[in-house]
Amino acid sequence: MSKTAIAEKEKLVDAFADELKDAKAILVINYLGLSVEEVTKMRDELRDNNVKMRVIKNTFLKRAAAKAGVKGLDDTFVGPTAVVYTDDADDITEPARIVSKYEDDYDVMEIKGGMLEGKLTSKDEIKELASIPGRDGLLSMLVSVLQAPIRDFAYAVKAVADSKSDDSDSKDATK
């Protein structure tokens, strides 16, 4: 192997290690068996949600993970492997939600494991995380909860006003 080829591979490993260092969520998946259309659809959805997917040789992946200080995922870097990751600290649940949806829809896809904010995470924990609403969903739930007392108060005031209006209408009718 030429020195140029080795240098290119080292650059690839270094670049990917830098991306892994910044990642808040890392999922390791096996996507073998998905059609090109299905993988493209998943990549598009991931990209639209600020999530990246890389397919890289396991040997390069192990080197990049070691350089990035990502420990404990070596067991998942076996066989066909893709890494799904995001550096978006606002919503680390998005990669889990998207990948879990595809795993549910396509039997051939499998979540092998992952890491969330530096903590090793199992497939079951990732599936559980995927069931939590995203940032936007949680914010809308919060707004709804905050609006409820005001809305209930407005309904009560309206009901009192309506009942007083009905009382005055019935008094006018009896005269």
Protein backbone atom coordinates (compact mmCIF):
# COMPACT_ATOMS: atom_id res chain seq x y z
CA MET A 1 0.00 0.00 0.00
CA SER A 2 1.38 3.39 -0.93
CA LYS A 3 2.16 6.13 1.54
CA THR A 4 -0.47 8.30 -0.18
CA ALA A 5 -3.19 5.71 0.38
CA ILE A 6 -2.18 5.32 4.01
CA ALA A 7 -2.19 9.08 4.50
CA GLU A 8 -5.67 9.31 2.94
CA LYS A 9 -6.98 6.62 5.27
CA GLU A 10 -5.43 8.37 8.27
CA LYS A 11 -7.15 11.61 7.23
CA LEU A 12 -10.47 9.74 7.00
CA VAL A 13 -9.99 8.25 10.48
CA ASP A 14 -8.96 11.63 11.96
CA ALA A 15 -11.91 13.45 10.39
CA PHE A 16 -14.38 10.85 11.63
CA ALA A 17 -12.76 10.86 15.10
CA ASP A 18 -13.34 14.64 15.28
CA GLU A 19 -17.01 14.13 14.39
CA LEU A 20 -17.40 11.41 17.02
CA LYS A 21 -15.79 13.64 19.69
CA ASP A 22 -18.51 16.26 19.15
CA ALA A 23 -21.37 13.74 18.93
CA LYS A 24 -23.98 13.85 21.68
CA ALA A 25 -25.69 10.69 20.43
CA ILE A 26 -24.08 7.79 18.57
CA LEU A 27 -26.04 4.76 17.36
CA VAL A 28 -24.48 1.74 15.70
CA ILE A 29 -26.79 -0.08 13.29
CA ASN A 30 -26.82 -2.93 10.82
CA TYR A 31 -28.77 -1.81 7.77
CA LEU A 32 -27.82 -4.71 5.48
CA GLY A 33 -30.89 -5.93 3.63
CA LEU A 34 -32.48 -2.52 3.13
CA SER A 35 -32.93 -1.51 -0.48
CA VAL A 36 -31.11 1.50 -1.89
CA GLU A 37 -34.44 3.39 -1.85
CA GLU A 38 -35.04 2.56 1.81
CA VAL A 39 -31.52 3.59 2.86
CA THR A 40 -31.82 6.81 0.84
CA LYS A 41 -35.17 7.59 2.45
CA MET A 42 -33.69 7.00 5.92
CA ARG A 43 -30.60 9.12 5.15
CA ASP A 44 -32.83 11.96 3.89
CA GLU A 45 -34.94 11.86 7.05
CA LEU A 46 -31.82 11.78 9.22
CA ARG A 47 -30.27 14.69 7.31
CA ASP A 48 -33.49 16.73 7.60
CA ASN A 49 -33.22 16.33 11.38
CA ASN A 50 -29.54 17.31 11.69
CA VAL A 51 -28.43 13.69 12.08
CA LYS A 52 -25.59 12.12 10.09
CA MET A 53 -25.10 8.54 8.93
CA ARG A 54 -21.73 7.14 7.92
CA VAL A 55 -20.82 3.75 6.58
CA ILE A 56 -17.18 3.09 7.29
CA LYS A 57 -15.00 -0.01 7.55
CA ASN A 58 -14.99 -1.52 11.02
CA THR A 59 -11.19 -1.25 11.32
CA PHE A 60 -11.34 2.50 10.56
CA LEU A 61 -14.31 2.84 12.86
CA LYS A 62 -12.45 1.23 15.76
CA ARG A 63 -9.45 3.52 15.20
CA ALA A 64 -11.65 6.64 14.98
CA ALA A 65 -13.57 5.65 18.12
CA ALA A 66 -10.32 5.09 20.01
CA LYS A 67 -8.97 8.49 18.89
CA ALA A 68 -12.26 10.16 19.88
CA GLY A 69 -12.25 8.51 23.31
CA VAL A 70 -15.45 6.57 22.55
CA LYS A 71 -15.07 3.40 24.59
CA GLY A 72 -17.28 0.33 24.88
CA LEU A 73 -18.68 0.17 21.36
CA ASP A 74 -16.01 -2.11 19.84
CA ASP A 75 -18.30 -5.14 20.24
CA THR A 76 -20.84 -3.46 17.95
CA PHE A 77 -18.27 -2.81 15.20
CA VAL A 78 -18.73 -6.27 13.73
CA GLY A 79 -20.31 -7.18 10.42
CA PRO A 80 -22.15 -4.62 8.28
CA THR A 81 -22.10 -1.41 10.29
CA ALA A 82 -23.31 2.15 9.93
CA VAL A 83 -22.97 4.89 12.51
CA VAL A 84 -25.80 7.36 13.06
CA TYR A 85 -24.84 10.39 15.14
CA THR A 86 -25.67 13.98 15.98
CA ASP A 87 -23.93 16.84 17.70
CA ASP A 88 -27.25 18.58 18.38
CA ALA A 89 -27.46 18.80 22.16
CA ASP A 90 -31.03 20.11 21.98
CA ASP A 91 -32.49 16.82 20.80
CA ILE A 92 -30.46 13.67 21.30
CA THR A 93 -33.63 11.59 21.00
CA GLU A 94 -34.08 12.27 17.27
CA PRO A 95 -31.54 9.69 15.99
CA ALA A 96 -33.08 7.03 18.24
CA ARG A 97 -36.60 7.89 17.11
CA ILE A 98 -35.78 7.77 13.39
CA VAL A 99 -33.64 4.62 13.55
CA SER A 100 -36.19 2.82 15.76
CA LYS A 101 -38.96 3.65 13.32
CA TYR A 102 -36.98 2.08 10.48
CA GLU A 103 -36.07 -0.93 12.61
CA ASP A 104 -39.78 -1.45 13.34
CA ASP A 105 -40.72 -1.05 9.66
CA TYR A 106 -37.93 -3.26 8.24
CA ASP A 107 -37.10 -6.52 9.97
CA VAL A 108 -33.64 -6.65 8.38
CA MET A 109 -32.43 -3.51 10.13
CA GLU A 110 -31.00 -3.78 13.64
CA ILE A 111 -29.81 -1.36 16.28
CA LYS A 112 -26.63 -2.83 17.75
CA GLY A 113 -26.02 -0.31 20.52
CA GLY A 114 -24.92 3.23 21.09
CA MET A 115 -23.73 6.02 23.29
CA LEU A 116 -25.71 8.99 24.58
CA GLU A 117 -23.84 11.95 26.02
CA GLY A 118 -20.80 9.77 26.68
CA LYS A 119 -22.73 6.95 28.38
CA LEU A 120 -22.87 3.48 26.84
CA THR A 121 -26.45 2.63 25.91
CA SER A 122 -28.11 -0.69 25.11
CA LYS A 123 -30.56 -1.39 22.32
CA ASP A 124 -33.42 -1.54 24.85
CA GLU A 125 -32.50 1.86 26.29
CA ILE A 126 -32.36 3.32 22.77
CA LYS A 127 -35.83 1.91 22.00
CA GLU A 128 -37.13 3.40 25.26
CA LEU A 129 -35.58 6.76 24.42
CA ALA A 130 -37.21 6.65 20.99
CA SER A 131 -40.64 6.54 22.64
CA ILE A 132 -40.05 9.91 24.34
CA PRO A 133 -41.45 12.84 22.35
CA GLY A 134 -38.89 15.12 20.73
CA ARG A 135 -38.03 18.62 21.84
CA ASP A 136 -40.88 20.19 19.84
CA GLY A 137 -43.37 17.66 21.18
CA LEU A 138 -42.26 18.25 24.77
CA LEU A 139 -42.46 22.03 24.32
CA SER A 140 -45.99 21.78 22.93
CA MET A 141 -46.98 19.59 25.91
CA LEU A 142 -45.51 22.19 28.26
CA VAL A 143 -47.40 25.03 26.57
CA SER A 144 -50.62 23.02 26.81
CA VAL A 145 -50.07 22.40 30.53
CA LEU A 146 -49.31 26.08 31.14
CA GLN A 147 -52.39 27.21 29.18
CA ALA A 148 -54.81 24.87 30.96
CA PRO A 149 -55.35 26.96 34.15
CA ILE A 150 -55.88 30.14 32.12
CA ARG A 151 -58.26 28.38 29.75
CA ASP A 152 -60.22 26.86 32.66
CA PHE A 153 -60.44 30.27 34.35
CA ALA A 154 -61.72 31.83 31.12
CA TYR A 155 -64.39 29.10 30.81
CA ALA A 156 -65.45 29.69 34.43
CA VAL A 157 -65.74 33.45 33.89
CA LYS A 158 -67.76 32.88 30.72
CA ALA A 159 -70.04 30.41 32.52
CA VAL A 160 -70.69 32.94 35.31
CA ALA A 161 -71.36 35.68 32.76
CA ASP A 162 -73.72 33.42 30.82
CA SER A 163 -75.60 32.42 33.97
CA LYS A 164 -76.04 36.07 34.99
CA SER A 165 -77.24 36.86 31.49
CA ASP A 166 -79.76 33.99 31.69
CA ASP A 167 -80.94 35.22 35.14
CA SER A 168 -81.54 38.76 33.85
CA ASP A 169 -83.36 37.41 30.75
CA SER A 170 -85.68 35.28 32.92
CA LYS A 171 -86.44 38.24 35.22
CA ASP A 172 -87.34 40.40 32.18
CA ALA A 173 -89.65 37.66 30.87
CA THR A 174 -91.60 37.43 34.16
CA LYS A 175 -92.40 41.16 34.29
